[in-house]
Amino acid sequence: MHAIAEMNAAAQLEPADESPAGLSLSTLWDALASAQWSLRAQQRWLPEVLARAHELVPESRIAWLLRLREASHSAWAAPASVRQTMLQLASAWCDWPLLLTSCERMDAAGELPAWAGSLMATAQLRLGESQAALSRCRAMALLDPQDRWATGMHDALQQWIAFVERAPPIPGDGLRLEPLGHHHAQDFANQYFDPAIAERCCLPTFADHAHWHRWLDQCWGYGDQRLYAVIHAEWGFVGSVSLILHDDIGLFYYWLGRDFQGHGLGPAAAQLLLEDARVQRRMRTCYAKVFEYNTPSRRALEKLGFDALDFRPAPPNADEMLYRRGPAQTRQGSVEELRALFVRMGLDTRIAVPLPEAPTTRSMRFDR
């Protein structure tokens, strides 16, 4: 899977030459806005934006992409240089749906530049269209046997497709769960920038891409965990879901990028994951952990059919709540399932189980 990440990086075009000092993405935004993103302004300023594409902060990404998408609607009337700059910006900012749509339009009109073939294949891969990406790389390699990128990417894609056969994608209506691979590194980072995500999901704060790649290898290496990229039909990568399945007992989590929270996408992705696990992998019951203060996630779990359990992890994790979805069973049955699951995961987590109420007191006991 690392091979695809390396080929993806190789597909990125070199940035434009350094531009005059004094310009920034903020001033360029103002210049384009004051000219109402006219074709003349795009022709003048978009190359400058491309030269500074690496300066874009995650908090501003969606605003820029929305304006870029609006401008693409009239790109048919723009000079070819403007359309090509838009392709490069879409690639630099990982707007794979915009990039793929633009490439397909230009390809149909016979206007797709040769250098954009690698960008188109990359977009197809990032959106879960691995076979289409493989076909394009094969065609590129046949047209130019000296194209090392095409031949290398073709081989890497064959390895990726073989891997995906062991953890197939999960299609849905407007969403698709694609196994999380090393080529998703930048897409992941674009949505994971909010530190609240790592805090709420008890996930690492990644020091760099290398740290993330090691973490991903470790997760897949456990053998009982599957991680998926949540691919939105219009926006591409918007978050991630994960399921650990031990025998027929699961533990799952999900997260979405800040720009995509509150629209029902998280529960929709979770439902796809849970239903697939029930039907294809015979999952009988599933658990989830959530911090008590995380009211939106608690409500989402309830809408997914999870019930809050009447016991919690013991300190220092007592601020977490436990939820369960599955056939009715005794409290002790749930305690034993969670205990076995935590042992399997290598967690030193105890469970505080309420004792029967005495006439004037209520106490807790710790159950390992």
Protein backbone atom coordinates (compact mmCIF):
# COMPACT_ATOMS: atom_id res chain seq x y z
CA MET A 1 0.00 0.00 0.00
CA HIS A 2 2.96 2.33 0.58
CA ALA A 3 3.78 2.06 -3.13
CA ILE A 4 0.56 3.81 -4.09
CA ALA A 5 1.26 6.64 -1.66
CA GLU A 6 4.67 7.13 -3.25
CA MET A 7 3.23 7.09 -6.78
CA ASN A 8 0.53 9.57 -5.74
CA ALA A 9 3.20 11.95 -4.51
CA ALA A 10 5.09 11.57 -7.79
CA ALA A 11 1.96 12.52 -9.73
CA GLN A 12 1.81 15.97 -8.14
CA LEU A 13 3.06 18.65 -10.50
CA GLU A 14 5.89 20.98 -9.54
CA PRO A 15 4.63 24.27 -8.06
CA ALA A 16 4.71 27.37 -10.19
CA ASP A 17 7.71 29.70 -10.01
CA GLU A 18 7.95 32.02 -7.06
CA SER A 19 5.71 35.07 -7.44
CA PRO A 20 6.31 38.66 -6.41
CA ALA A 21 6.55 39.29 -2.69
CA GLY A 22 3.59 40.77 -0.86
CA LEU A 23 0.96 38.41 -2.18
CA SER A 24 -0.77 35.84 -0.01
CA LEU A 25 -3.78 33.59 -0.36
CA SER A 26 -5.73 36.15 1.67
CA THR A 27 -4.86 39.05 -0.64
CA LEU A 28 -5.44 36.87 -3.70
CA TRP A 29 -8.86 35.91 -2.33
CA ASP A 30 -9.69 39.61 -1.99
CA ALA A 31 -8.42 40.37 -5.50
CA LEU A 32 -10.55 37.62 -7.05
CA ALA A 33 -13.60 38.54 -4.96
CA SER A 34 -13.36 42.24 -5.85
CA ALA A 35 -13.34 41.25 -9.53
CA GLN A 36 -16.22 38.80 -8.92
CA TRP A 37 -14.00 35.96 -10.13
CA SER A 38 -14.16 37.24 -13.70
CA LEU A 39 -12.34 35.24 -16.36
CA ARG A 40 -9.79 38.02 -16.66
CA ALA A 41 -9.16 37.91 -12.89
CA GLN A 42 -8.87 34.13 -12.95
CA GLN A 43 -6.35 34.28 -15.76
CA ARG A 44 -4.31 36.85 -13.86
CA TRP A 45 -4.52 35.57 -10.29
CA LEU A 46 -5.08 31.78 -10.31
CA PRO A 47 -1.42 31.07 -11.27
CA GLU A 48 -0.45 33.10 -8.21
CA VAL A 49 -2.88 31.07 -6.10
CA LEU A 50 -1.33 27.87 -7.44
CA ALA A 51 2.14 29.09 -6.47
CA ARG A 52 0.87 29.42 -2.89
CA ALA A 53 -1.42 26.39 -2.81
CA HIS A 54 0.78 24.79 -0.14
CA GLU A 55 0.01 27.71 2.19
CA LEU A 56 -3.69 26.86 2.45
CA VAL A 57 -4.74 26.18 6.04
CA PRO A 58 -7.33 23.43 6.57
CA GLU A 59 -9.85 25.87 8.06
CA SER A 60 -9.99 27.79 4.75
CA ARG A 61 -10.00 24.81 2.40
CA ILE A 62 -13.76 24.43 1.89
CA ALA A 63 -14.26 28.15 1.23
CA TRP A 64 -11.65 28.07 -1.54
CA LEU A 65 -13.04 24.87 -3.02
CA LEU A 66 -16.57 26.27 -3.13
CA ARG A 67 -15.37 29.31 -5.10
CA LEU A 68 -13.23 27.14 -7.35
CA ARG A 69 -16.21 24.93 -8.08
CA GLU A 70 -18.38 27.94 -8.87
CA ALA A 71 -15.73 29.21 -11.26
CA SER A 72 -15.50 25.80 -12.94
CA HIS A 73 -19.12 26.12 -14.10
CA SER A 74 -18.04 28.75 -16.62
CA ALA A 75 -14.64 27.23 -17.32
CA TRP A 76 -15.78 26.20 -20.80
CA ALA A 77 -15.48 29.88 -21.80
CA ALA A 78 -12.10 30.35 -20.14
CA PRO A 79 -8.73 30.06 -21.88
CA ALA A 80 -7.17 26.60 -21.77
CA SER A 81 -4.53 27.90 -19.37
CA VAL A 82 -7.21 28.76 -16.79
CA ARG A 83 -8.81 25.33 -17.04
CA GLN A 84 -5.44 23.66 -16.62
CA THR A 85 -4.60 25.80 -13.60
CA MET A 86 -7.92 24.75 -12.06
CA LEU A 87 -6.94 21.10 -12.56
CA GLN A 88 -3.67 21.69 -10.75
CA LEU A 89 -5.39 23.51 -7.88
CA ALA A 90 -7.98 20.76 -7.52
CA SER A 91 -5.14 18.26 -7.29
CA ALA A 92 -3.10 20.34 -4.84
CA TRP A 93 -6.12 20.73 -2.56
CA CYS A 94 -7.37 17.15 -2.97
CA ASP A 95 -10.72 18.04 -4.54
CA TRP A 96 -10.89 14.75 -6.38
CA PRO A 97 -14.55 15.00 -7.49
CA LEU A 98 -13.88 18.40 -9.12
CA LEU A 99 -10.64 17.15 -10.65
CA LEU A 100 -12.22 13.99 -12.07
CA THR A 101 -15.27 15.82 -13.47
CA SER A 102 -13.06 18.45 -15.09
CA CYS A 103 -10.73 15.82 -16.57
CA GLU A 104 -13.63 13.83 -17.99
CA ARG A 105 -15.08 16.97 -19.56
CA MET A 106 -11.76 17.97 -21.10
CA ASP A 107 -11.05 14.40 -22.21
CA ALA A 108 -14.40 14.21 -24.02
CA ALA A 109 -13.58 17.47 -25.81
CA GLY A 110 -10.10 16.26 -26.73
CA GLU A 111 -8.53 18.97 -24.56
CA LEU A 112 -7.01 16.92 -21.75
CA PRO A 113 -3.25 17.60 -21.66
CA ALA A 114 -1.01 14.55 -21.54
CA TRP A 115 0.36 15.50 -18.10
CA ALA A 116 -3.16 15.38 -16.62
CA GLY A 117 -3.52 11.63 -17.17
CA SER A 118 -1.71 10.89 -13.92
CA LEU A 119 -3.93 13.36 -12.04
CA MET A 120 -7.05 11.72 -13.45
CA ALA A 121 -5.88 8.25 -12.41
CA THR A 122 -5.05 9.58 -8.94
CA ALA A 123 -8.52 11.10 -8.60
CA GLN A 124 -10.13 7.82 -9.64
CA LEU A 125 -8.13 5.95 -7.01
CA ARG A 126 -8.91 8.44 -4.24
CA LEU A 127 -12.65 8.15 -4.99
CA GLY A 128 -12.56 4.35 -4.84
CA GLU A 129 -12.56 3.74 -8.61
CA SER A 130 -9.49 1.50 -8.54
CA GLN A 131 -10.33 -0.48 -11.65
CA ALA A 132 -10.85 2.68 -13.69
CA ALA A 133 -7.51 4.00 -12.43
CA LEU A 134 -5.86 0.71 -13.39
CA SER A 135 -7.31 0.89 -16.91
CA ARG A 136 -6.08 4.46 -17.37
CA CYS A 137 -2.57 3.59 -16.19
CA ARG A 138 -2.53 0.60 -18.51
CA ALA A 139 -3.52 2.82 -21.45
CA MET A 140 -0.89 5.41 -20.51
CA ALA A 141 1.81 2.73 -20.31
CA LEU A 142 0.82 1.30 -23.69
CA LEU A 143 0.94 4.74 -25.32
CA ASP A 144 4.31 5.50 -23.75
CA PRO A 145 6.29 2.45 -22.56
CA GLN A 146 8.86 4.87 -21.09
CA ASP A 147 6.28 6.36 -18.72
CA ARG A 148 7.69 5.09 -15.42
CA TRP A 149 4.91 6.67 -13.38
CA ALA A 150 2.20 4.82 -15.34
CA THR A 151 3.93 1.44 -15.14
CA GLY A 152 4.78 1.87 -11.45
CA MET A 153 1.27 2.99 -10.57
CA HIS A 154 -0.19 0.11 -12.57
CA ASP A 155 1.78 -2.39 -10.50
CA ALA A 156 0.92 -0.63 -7.23
CA LEU A 157 -2.77 -0.59 -8.13
CA GLN A 158 -2.75 -4.33 -8.79
CA GLN A 159 -1.37 -4.85 -5.28
CA TRP A 160 -3.98 -2.51 -3.80
CA ILE A 161 -6.86 -4.26 -5.60
CA ALA A 162 -5.63 -7.61 -4.27
CA PHE A 163 -5.60 -6.15 -0.75
CA VAL A 164 -9.10 -4.71 -1.15
CA GLU A 165 -10.44 -8.15 -2.01
CA ARG A 166 -9.84 -9.08 1.65
CA ALA A 167 -11.72 -6.01 2.93
CA PRO A 168 -14.16 -5.07 0.16
CA PRO A 169 -15.58 -1.55 -0.16
CA ILE A 170 -19.08 -0.99 1.19
CA PRO A 171 -21.25 0.99 -1.25
CA GLY A 172 -24.17 3.12 -0.15
CA ASP A 173 -26.47 5.88 -1.35
CA GLY A 174 -24.22 8.92 -1.80
CA LEU A 175 -21.55 7.43 0.48
CA ARG A 176 -18.98 4.73 -0.02
CA LEU A 177 -16.73 3.06 2.55
CA GLU A 178 -13.34 2.39 1.01
CA PRO A 179 -10.59 0.52 2.92
CA LEU A 180 -8.26 3.13 4.39
CA GLY A 181 -4.94 3.01 2.56
CA HIS A 182 -1.64 4.82 2.62
CA HIS A 183 -2.68 6.86 -0.42
CA HIS A 184 -5.35 8.51 1.78
CA ALA A 185 -2.72 10.22 3.96
CA GLN A 186 -3.31 13.79 2.79
CA ASP A 187 -7.08 13.33 2.54
CA PHE A 188 -7.07 12.09 6.14
CA ALA A 189 -4.98 15.06 7.28
CA ASN A 190 -7.29 17.53 5.51
CA GLN A 191 -10.22 16.39 7.67
CA TYR A 192 -8.38 15.47 10.90
CA PHE A 193 -6.97 18.94 11.59
CA ASP A 194 -9.46 19.69 14.40
CA PRO A 195 -7.79 18.45 17.65
CA ALA A 196 -11.24 17.70 19.08
CA ILE A 197 -11.48 14.69 16.75
CA ALA A 198 -8.45 12.96 18.24
CA GLU A 199 -9.61 13.84 21.75
CA ARG A 200 -13.15 12.54 21.34
CA CYS A 201 -12.08 9.34 19.57
CA CYS A 202 -8.98 8.68 21.73
CA LEU A 203 -6.85 8.61 18.57
CA PRO A 204 -3.21 9.70 18.21
CA THR A 205 -2.02 13.20 17.51
CA PHE A 206 0.14 12.46 14.50
CA ALA A 207 3.51 14.17 14.45
CA ASP A 208 3.92 13.72 10.70
CA HIS A 209 2.88 11.52 7.78
CA ALA A 210 5.40 8.85 8.77
CA HIS A 211 3.74 8.54 12.18
CA TRP A 212 0.34 8.15 10.47
CA HIS A 213 1.65 5.48 8.09
CA ARG A 214 3.05 3.47 11.01
CA TRP A 215 -0.25 3.76 12.88
CA LEU A 216 -2.20 2.58 9.83
CA ASP A 217 0.09 -0.43 9.37
CA GLN A 218 -0.32 -1.29 13.05
CA CYS A 219 -4.12 -1.11 12.90
CA TRP A 220 -4.40 -3.37 9.86
CA GLY A 221 -1.74 -5.63 11.35
CA TYR A 222 -3.96 -6.56 14.29
CA GLY A 223 -6.01 -8.72 11.96
CA ASP A 224 -9.37 -8.07 13.64
CA GLN A 225 -9.67 -4.35 12.82
CA ARG A 226 -10.92 -2.77 9.62
CA LEU A 227 -10.62 0.92 8.87
CA TYR A 228 -12.51 2.67 6.11
CA ALA A 229 -12.40 6.05 4.44
CA VAL A 230 -15.84 7.62 4.18
CA ILE A 231 -16.08 8.76 0.56
CA HIS A 232 -18.82 11.27 -0.24
CA ALA A 233 -20.05 11.32 -3.84
CA GLU A 234 -19.63 15.10 -4.14
CA TRP A 235 -16.78 15.81 -1.71
CA GLY A 236 -14.62 12.72 -1.59
CA PHE A 237 -12.97 11.85 1.73
CA VAL A 238 -14.96 13.31 4.63
CA GLY A 239 -14.03 11.07 7.57
CA SER A 240 -13.34 7.54 8.73
CA VAL A 241 -15.02 4.58 10.42
CA SER A 242 -13.44 1.61 12.15
CA LEU A 243 -14.64 -1.72 13.48
CA ILE A 244 -12.83 -4.21 15.68
CA LEU A 245 -14.57 -7.60 15.48
CA HIS A 246 -13.66 -10.39 17.91
CA ASP A 247 -15.69 -13.51 17.18
CA ASP A 248 -19.18 -12.02 16.83
CA ILE A 249 -18.65 -9.01 19.11
CA GLY A 250 -17.69 -5.64 17.70
CA LEU A 251 -16.46 -2.26 18.91
CA PHE A 252 -16.68 0.65 16.51
CA TYR A 253 -16.00 4.36 16.19
CA TYR A 254 -16.36 6.99 13.53
CA TRP A 255 -15.37 10.58 12.98
CA LEU A 256 -16.06 13.24 10.37
CA GLY A 257 -14.17 16.36 9.40
CA ARG A 258 -15.45 19.53 11.03
CA ASP A 259 -16.93 20.86 7.77
CA PHE A 260 -19.10 17.75 7.37
CA GLN A 261 -20.43 17.25 10.89
CA GLY A 262 -24.10 17.75 11.71
CA HIS A 263 -25.46 16.61 8.34
CA GLY A 264 -26.25 12.99 9.16
CA LEU A 265 -23.24 11.64 7.29
CA GLY A 266 -21.63 10.03 10.34
CA PRO A 267 -24.65 7.91 11.30
CA ALA A 268 -25.18 7.02 7.62
CA ALA A 269 -21.59 5.79 7.31
CA ALA A 270 -21.85 3.94 10.62
CA GLN A 271 -25.05 2.22 9.51
CA LEU A 272 -23.34 1.00 6.34
CA LEU A 273 -20.47 -0.41 8.40
CA LEU A 274 -22.66 -2.08 11.02
CA GLU A 275 -25.10 -3.61 8.55
CA ASP A 276 -22.27 -5.00 6.44
CA ALA A 277 -20.66 -6.51 9.54
CA ARG A 278 -23.98 -8.06 10.56
CA VAL A 279 -24.74 -9.56 7.14
CA GLN A 280 -21.30 -10.38 5.77
CA ARG A 281 -19.32 -11.07 8.94
CA ARG A 282 -22.06 -12.33 11.28
CA MET A 283 -21.58 -9.70 13.94
CA ARG A 284 -24.14 -10.34 16.69
CA THR A 285 -23.61 -7.37 18.93
CA CYS A 286 -21.60 -4.15 18.86
CA TYR A 287 -20.34 -1.75 21.52
CA ALA A 288 -19.25 1.86 21.43
CA LYS A 289 -17.58 4.21 23.90
CA VAL A 290 -18.32 7.91 24.07
CA PHE A 291 -17.50 10.72 26.47
CA GLU A 292 -20.48 11.82 28.52
CA TYR A 293 -20.13 15.43 27.35
CA ASN A 294 -20.31 14.40 23.68
CA THR A 295 -24.06 14.85 23.34
CA PRO A 296 -24.18 14.81 19.50
CA SER A 297 -22.45 11.41 19.35
CA ARG A 298 -24.66 10.01 22.09
CA ARG A 299 -27.75 11.05 20.15
CA ALA A 300 -26.32 9.57 16.97
CA LEU A 301 -25.69 6.24 18.72
CA GLU A 302 -29.26 6.18 19.98
CA LYS A 303 -30.57 6.80 16.46
CA LEU A 304 -28.45 3.86 15.30
CA GLY A 305 -30.21 1.59 17.79
CA PHE A 306 -27.59 1.61 20.55
CA ASP A 307 -28.69 1.58 24.20
CA ALA A 308 -26.72 3.20 27.01
CA LEU A 309 -25.53 0.62 29.52
CA ASP A 310 -26.00 1.15 33.23
CA PHE A 311 -22.31 0.74 34.02
CA ARG A 312 -19.13 2.49 32.96
CA PRO A 313 -15.39 2.03 32.82
CA ALA A 314 -13.73 2.53 36.17
CA PRO A 315 -11.47 5.53 36.83
CA PRO A 316 -9.53 7.01 35.14
CA ASN A 317 -12.04 6.38 32.33
CA ALA A 318 -15.20 7.04 34.33
CA ASP A 319 -16.12 10.01 32.11
CA GLU A 320 -16.86 7.57 29.27
CA MET A 321 -20.25 5.97 28.64
CA LEU A 322 -20.74 2.52 27.13
CA TYR A 323 -23.36 1.74 24.51
CA ARG A 324 -24.55 -1.55 23.08
CA ARG A 325 -26.53 -2.64 20.03
CA GLY A 326 -27.75 -6.21 19.82
CA PRO A 327 -30.21 -8.75 21.23
CA ALA A 328 -31.32 -8.26 24.82
CA GLN A 329 -29.12 -9.88 27.43
CA THR A 330 -28.20 -9.60 31.09
CA ARG A 331 -25.92 -6.93 32.46
CA GLN A 332 -23.39 -9.60 33.40
CA GLY A 333 -23.40 -10.88 29.83
CA SER A 334 -22.42 -7.42 28.58
CA VAL A 335 -19.74 -7.07 31.27
CA GLU A 336 -18.18 -10.38 30.25
CA GLU A 337 -18.29 -9.49 26.54
CA LEU A 338 -16.61 -6.15 27.13
CA ARG A 339 -14.03 -7.66 29.44
CA ALA A 340 -13.07 -10.23 26.79
CA LEU A 341 -12.99 -7.54 24.11
CA PHE A 342 -10.79 -5.21 26.16
CA VAL A 343 -8.38 -8.06 26.93
CA ARG A 344 -8.24 -8.90 23.23
CA MET A 345 -7.40 -5.25 22.47
CA GLY A 346 -4.69 -5.17 25.15
CA LEU A 347 -6.51 -2.50 27.17
CA ASP A 348 -6.10 -2.28 30.92
CA THR A 349 -9.69 -1.08 31.32
CA ARG A 350 -11.80 -2.07 34.30
CA ILE A 351 -15.56 -1.84 34.44
CA ALA A 352 -17.40 -0.31 37.39
CA VAL A 353 -20.59 -2.32 37.89
CA PRO A 354 -23.34 -1.04 40.21
CA LEU A 355 -24.11 -3.29 43.14
CA PRO A 356 -27.74 -3.82 44.13
CA GLU A 357 -28.95 -0.75 46.02
CA ALA A 358 -28.81 -0.91 49.80
CA PRO A 359 -31.57 0.88 51.77
CA THR A 360 -29.54 4.09 52.15
CA THR A 361 -26.43 3.74 49.98
CA ARG A 362 -25.39 2.99 46.44
CA SER A 363 -21.94 1.55 45.75
CA MET A 364 -19.86 0.32 42.85
CA ARG A 365 -17.60 -2.67 42.41
CA PHE A 366 -14.78 -3.03 39.90
CA ASP A 367 -15.00 -6.00 37.57
CA ARG A 368 -12.08 -7.00 35.40
